[in-house]
Amino acid sequence: MRVVFSRNAAEDLEEIADWIARDNPERARSFVAELVKSCISIGRAPRSYPLVDKARDPNLRRRIHRSYLIFFDIGPDAVEILHVVHGARDYAQIVFGDDESE
């Protein structure tokens, strides 16, 4: 299945590259390439990855790559990568837009 990247996912990858490049620009390029390769490989068997939270989003799935979480939906024609987030971050806030003040 074809894999496409949302604007948010593309921005996430840019931020990851910028963060790593502060210490090691070469590793930033190679690591983001690894992440992209991991994302693209989801297209081979997207339903083999677990759902995140059926109650909040019955289609949202996640793949883990090292310390990063790759969130995606399976559409009729393509897998859409929605976000790529470090596992230490509050992914619910990023992915679901949770607001603790509510």
N, C-alpha and C. Protein backbone atom coordinates (compact mmCIF):
# COMPACT_ATOMS: atom_id res chain seq x y z
N MET A 1 0.85 -1.18 0.00
CA MET A 1 0.00 0.00 0.00
C MET A 1 0.90 1.24 0.00
N ARG A 2 0.46 2.24 -0.69
CA ARG A 2 1.19 3.51 -0.79
C ARG A 2 1.21 4.19 0.58
N VAL A 3 2.30 4.92 0.88
CA VAL A 3 2.44 5.65 2.14
C VAL A 3 2.62 7.13 1.82
N VAL A 4 1.82 7.97 2.50
CA VAL A 4 1.94 9.42 2.34
C VAL A 4 2.17 10.04 3.72
N PHE A 5 2.82 11.19 3.71
CA PHE A 5 3.13 11.89 4.95
C PHE A 5 2.26 13.14 5.06
N SER A 6 1.60 13.29 6.21
CA SER A 6 0.82 14.49 6.46
C SER A 6 1.79 15.66 6.68
N ARG A 7 1.26 16.84 6.63
CA ARG A 7 2.07 18.03 6.90
C ARG A 7 2.65 17.95 8.32
N ASN A 8 1.83 17.50 9.27
CA ASN A 8 2.32 17.37 10.65
C ASN A 8 3.49 16.40 10.75
N ALA A 9 3.39 15.28 10.06
CA ALA A 9 4.47 14.29 10.10
C ALA A 9 5.75 14.85 9.49
N ALA A 10 5.61 15.57 8.39
CA ALA A 10 6.78 16.18 7.74
C ALA A 10 7.43 17.19 8.69
N GLU A 11 6.60 17.97 9.38
CA GLU A 11 7.13 18.93 10.35
C GLU A 11 7.80 18.22 11.52
N ASP A 12 7.20 17.11 11.97
CA ASP A 12 7.81 16.32 13.04
C ASP A 12 9.20 15.85 12.64
N LEU A 13 9.33 15.33 11.42
CA LEU A 13 10.63 14.84 10.95
C LEU A 13 11.66 15.96 10.86
N GLU A 14 11.22 17.14 10.42
CA GLU A 14 12.12 18.30 10.38
C GLU A 14 12.61 18.67 11.77
N GLU A 15 11.68 18.68 12.75
CA GLU A 15 12.05 19.02 14.12
C GLU A 15 13.01 17.98 14.70
N ILE A 16 12.79 16.72 14.41
CA ILE A 16 13.69 15.67 14.88
C ILE A 16 15.08 15.88 14.29
N ALA A 17 15.14 16.14 13.00
CA ALA A 17 16.43 16.39 12.34
C ALA A 17 17.13 17.59 12.94
N ASP A 18 16.39 18.66 13.17
CA ASP A 18 16.99 19.87 13.76
C ASP A 18 17.54 19.59 15.15
N TRP A 19 16.81 18.83 15.94
CA TRP A 19 17.22 18.53 17.31
C TRP A 19 18.52 17.70 17.31
N ILE A 20 18.55 16.66 16.50
CA ILE A 20 19.74 15.80 16.44
C ILE A 20 20.92 16.55 15.83
N ALA A 21 20.67 17.41 14.85
CA ALA A 21 21.72 18.14 14.14
C ALA A 21 22.47 19.11 15.05
N ARG A 22 21.88 19.48 16.16
CA ARG A 22 22.59 20.36 17.10
C ARG A 22 23.91 19.71 17.54
N ASP A 23 23.89 18.39 17.68
CA ASP A 23 25.08 17.67 18.11
C ASP A 23 25.78 16.92 16.98
N ASN A 24 24.99 16.47 15.99
CA ASN A 24 25.57 15.61 14.96
C ASN A 24 24.76 15.71 13.67
N PRO A 25 25.10 16.66 12.81
CA PRO A 25 24.33 16.84 11.57
C PRO A 25 24.28 15.59 10.68
N GLU A 26 25.39 14.86 10.60
CA GLU A 26 25.40 13.66 9.77
C GLU A 26 24.43 12.60 10.31
N ARG A 27 24.42 12.42 11.63
CA ARG A 27 23.50 11.45 12.22
C ARG A 27 22.06 11.90 12.07
N ALA A 28 21.83 13.20 12.10
CA ALA A 28 20.47 13.71 11.90
C ALA A 28 19.93 13.24 10.56
N ARG A 29 20.73 13.37 9.52
CA ARG A 29 20.30 12.94 8.19
C ARG A 29 20.06 11.43 8.14
N SER A 30 20.99 10.67 8.69
CA SER A 30 20.85 9.21 8.60
C SER A 30 19.70 8.70 9.46
N PHE A 31 19.50 9.32 10.63
CA PHE A 31 18.42 8.85 11.49
C PHE A 31 17.05 9.17 10.91
N VAL A 32 16.90 10.36 10.37
CA VAL A 32 15.61 10.70 9.75
C VAL A 32 15.37 9.80 8.54
N ALA A 33 16.42 9.45 7.82
CA ALA A 33 16.26 8.50 6.71
C ALA A 33 15.78 7.15 7.23
N GLU A 34 16.29 6.71 8.39
CA GLU A 34 15.81 5.47 9.02
C GLU A 34 14.32 5.57 9.36
N LEU A 35 13.94 6.70 9.95
CA LEU A 35 12.53 6.91 10.31
C LEU A 35 11.64 6.85 9.07
N VAL A 36 12.06 7.52 8.01
CA VAL A 36 11.27 7.53 6.78
C VAL A 36 11.16 6.11 6.23
N LYS A 37 12.25 5.38 6.24
CA LYS A 37 12.23 3.98 5.76
C LYS A 37 11.26 3.14 6.60
N SER A 38 11.27 3.36 7.91
CA SER A 38 10.34 2.66 8.81
C SER A 38 8.90 3.00 8.46
N CYS A 39 8.66 4.27 8.19
CA CYS A 39 7.31 4.71 7.82
C CYS A 39 6.87 4.04 6.52
N ILE A 40 7.72 4.05 5.54
CA ILE A 40 7.37 3.48 4.24
C ILE A 40 7.12 1.98 4.34
N SER A 41 7.87 1.31 5.21
CA SER A 41 7.69 -0.14 5.35
C SER A 41 6.33 -0.51 5.95
N ILE A 42 5.68 0.43 6.60
CA ILE A 42 4.34 0.18 7.16
C ILE A 42 3.38 -0.23 6.05
N GLY A 43 3.58 0.32 4.86
CA GLY A 43 2.70 0.03 3.73
C GLY A 43 2.62 -1.43 3.34
N ARG A 44 3.63 -2.23 3.72
CA ARG A 44 3.62 -3.65 3.37
C ARG A 44 2.58 -4.44 4.17
N ALA A 45 2.35 -4.05 5.42
CA ALA A 45 1.38 -4.78 6.27
C ALA A 45 0.85 -3.83 7.35
N PRO A 46 0.11 -2.81 6.96
CA PRO A 46 -0.30 -1.79 7.92
C PRO A 46 -1.20 -2.30 9.05
N ARG A 47 -1.99 -3.31 8.78
CA ARG A 47 -2.90 -3.81 9.81
C ARG A 47 -2.20 -4.69 10.85
N SER A 48 -0.92 -4.95 10.66
CA SER A 48 -0.17 -5.75 11.63
C SER A 48 0.28 -4.93 12.83
N TYR A 49 0.10 -3.62 12.77
CA TYR A 49 0.48 -2.74 13.88
C TYR A 49 -0.73 -2.48 14.76
N PRO A 50 -0.49 -2.31 16.06
CA PRO A 50 -1.62 -2.19 16.99
C PRO A 50 -2.37 -0.86 16.89
N LEU A 51 -3.65 -0.93 17.20
CA LEU A 51 -4.46 0.27 17.36
C LEU A 51 -4.02 0.97 18.63
N VAL A 52 -4.13 2.30 18.65
CA VAL A 52 -3.69 3.09 19.80
C VAL A 52 -4.77 3.18 20.87
N ASP A 53 -5.93 3.67 20.49
CA ASP A 53 -7.03 3.87 21.43
C ASP A 53 -8.34 3.87 20.63
N LYS A 54 -8.99 2.72 20.58
CA LYS A 54 -10.20 2.57 19.76
C LYS A 54 -11.29 3.56 20.12
N ALA A 55 -11.39 3.91 21.39
CA ALA A 55 -12.45 4.83 21.83
C ALA A 55 -12.24 6.24 21.27
N ARG A 56 -11.01 6.65 21.16
CA ARG A 56 -10.72 8.01 20.68
C ARG A 56 -10.63 8.08 19.16
N ASP A 57 -10.03 7.06 18.57
CA ASP A 57 -9.86 7.02 17.12
C ASP A 57 -9.77 5.55 16.72
N PRO A 58 -10.83 5.02 16.14
CA PRO A 58 -10.86 3.60 15.82
C PRO A 58 -9.90 3.17 14.71
N ASN A 59 -9.24 4.11 14.08
CA ASN A 59 -8.34 3.79 12.96
C ASN A 59 -6.87 4.06 13.25
N LEU A 60 -6.57 4.79 14.30
CA LEU A 60 -5.19 5.21 14.57
C LEU A 60 -4.34 4.03 15.04
N ARG A 61 -3.23 3.85 14.35
CA ARG A 61 -2.29 2.77 14.69
C ARG A 61 -0.91 3.36 14.96
N ARG A 62 -0.03 2.51 15.53
CA ARG A 62 1.29 2.99 15.92
C ARG A 62 2.35 1.94 15.61
N ARG A 63 3.47 2.43 15.12
CA ARG A 63 4.66 1.61 14.96
C ARG A 63 5.77 2.25 15.79
N ILE A 64 6.60 1.42 16.39
CA ILE A 64 7.72 1.93 17.19
C ILE A 64 9.00 1.78 16.37
N HIS A 65 9.79 2.84 16.36
CA HIS A 65 11.13 2.80 15.77
C HIS A 65 12.09 3.39 16.79
N ARG A 66 12.87 2.52 17.41
CA ARG A 66 13.77 2.91 18.51
C ARG A 66 12.95 3.62 19.58
N SER A 67 13.25 4.88 19.86
CA SER A 67 12.52 5.62 20.89
C SER A 67 11.38 6.46 20.32
N TYR A 68 11.08 6.27 19.06
CA TYR A 68 10.07 7.10 18.39
C TYR A 68 8.81 6.30 18.10
N LEU A 69 7.70 7.00 18.12
CA LEU A 69 6.39 6.43 17.83
C LEU A 69 5.89 7.02 16.51
N ILE A 70 5.52 6.15 15.60
CA ILE A 70 5.01 6.57 14.30
C ILE A 70 3.50 6.30 14.31
N PHE A 71 2.71 7.35 14.23
CA PHE A 71 1.26 7.23 14.26
C PHE A 71 0.72 7.34 12.84
N PHE A 72 -0.24 6.46 12.50
CA PHE A 72 -0.76 6.47 11.13
C PHE A 72 -2.19 5.94 11.09
N ASP A 73 -2.87 6.30 10.01
CA ASP A 73 -4.20 5.80 9.68
C ASP A 73 -4.11 5.04 8.36
N ILE A 74 -4.98 4.07 8.20
CA ILE A 74 -5.05 3.32 6.95
C ILE A 74 -6.27 3.81 6.19
N GLY A 75 -6.04 4.41 5.05
CA GLY A 75 -7.14 4.88 4.21
C GLY A 75 -7.43 3.86 3.13
N PRO A 76 -8.39 4.16 2.26
CA PRO A 76 -8.75 3.21 1.21
C PRO A 76 -7.64 3.02 0.18
N ASP A 77 -6.84 4.06 -0.04
CA ASP A 77 -5.80 4.01 -1.08
C ASP A 77 -4.38 4.13 -0.56
N ALA A 78 -4.24 4.54 0.71
CA ALA A 78 -2.89 4.80 1.22
C ALA A 78 -2.87 4.78 2.74
N VAL A 79 -1.68 4.56 3.25
CA VAL A 79 -1.41 4.73 4.67
C VAL A 79 -0.96 6.18 4.83
N GLU A 80 -1.55 6.89 5.78
CA GLU A 80 -1.14 8.27 6.02
C GLU A 80 -0.40 8.35 7.34
N ILE A 81 0.86 8.76 7.27
CA ILE A 81 1.66 8.98 8.47
C ILE A 81 1.21 10.32 9.05
N LEU A 82 0.71 10.29 10.28
CA LEU A 82 0.14 11.49 10.89
C LEU A 82 1.13 12.23 11.76
N HIS A 83 1.91 11.49 12.55
CA HIS A 83 2.89 12.09 13.45
C HIS A 83 4.03 11.13 13.69
N VAL A 84 5.20 11.70 13.97
CA VAL A 84 6.37 10.94 14.41
C VAL A 84 6.85 11.65 15.67
N VAL A 85 6.77 10.96 16.81
CA VAL A 85 6.96 11.60 18.11
C VAL A 85 7.93 10.78 18.96
N HIS A 86 8.81 11.45 19.68
CA HIS A 86 9.67 10.75 20.63
C HIS A 86 8.79 10.16 21.73
N GLY A 87 9.09 8.95 22.14
CA GLY A 87 8.28 8.24 23.12
C GLY A 87 8.21 8.91 24.48
N ALA A 88 9.16 9.78 24.80
CA ALA A 88 9.14 10.47 26.08
C ALA A 88 8.18 11.66 26.10
N ARG A 89 7.71 12.06 24.94
CA ARG A 89 6.78 13.19 24.86
C ARG A 89 5.35 12.74 25.16
N ASP A 90 4.51 13.69 25.47
CA ASP A 90 3.10 13.43 25.73
C ASP A 90 2.39 13.25 24.39
N TYR A 91 2.40 12.02 23.89
CA TYR A 91 1.84 11.81 22.55
C TYR A 91 0.35 12.06 22.51
N ALA A 92 -0.37 11.84 23.60
CA ALA A 92 -1.82 12.08 23.59
C ALA A 92 -2.12 13.54 23.30
N GLN A 93 -1.33 14.42 23.88
CA GLN A 93 -1.51 15.85 23.64
C GLN A 93 -1.27 16.17 22.16
N ILE A 94 -0.26 15.57 21.60
CA ILE A 94 0.12 15.85 20.22
C ILE A 94 -0.86 15.20 19.24
N VAL A 95 -1.17 13.93 19.45
CA VAL A 95 -1.97 13.17 18.50
C VAL A 95 -3.47 13.45 18.64
N PHE A 96 -3.94 13.50 19.87
CA PHE A 96 -5.37 13.68 20.11
C PHE A 96 -5.75 15.11 20.45
N GLY A 97 -4.76 15.96 20.74
CA GLY A 97 -5.04 17.34 21.10
C GLY A 97 -5.64 17.47 22.49
N ASP A 98 -5.29 16.53 23.38
CA ASP A 98 -5.79 16.59 24.76
C ASP A 98 -5.38 17.91 25.40
N ASP A 99 -6.29 18.46 26.15
CA ASP A 99 -6.02 19.68 26.90
C ASP A 99 -6.31 19.38 28.37
N GLU A 100 -5.26 19.37 29.17
CA GLU A 100 -5.44 19.02 30.59
C GLU A 100 -6.31 20.01 31.33
N SER A 101 -6.50 21.20 30.76
CA SER A 101 -7.31 22.20 31.46
C SER A 101 -8.80 21.92 31.32
N GLU A 102 -9.19 20.98 30.45
CA GLU A 102 -10.62 20.69 30.27
C GLU A 102 -11.12 19.78 31.36
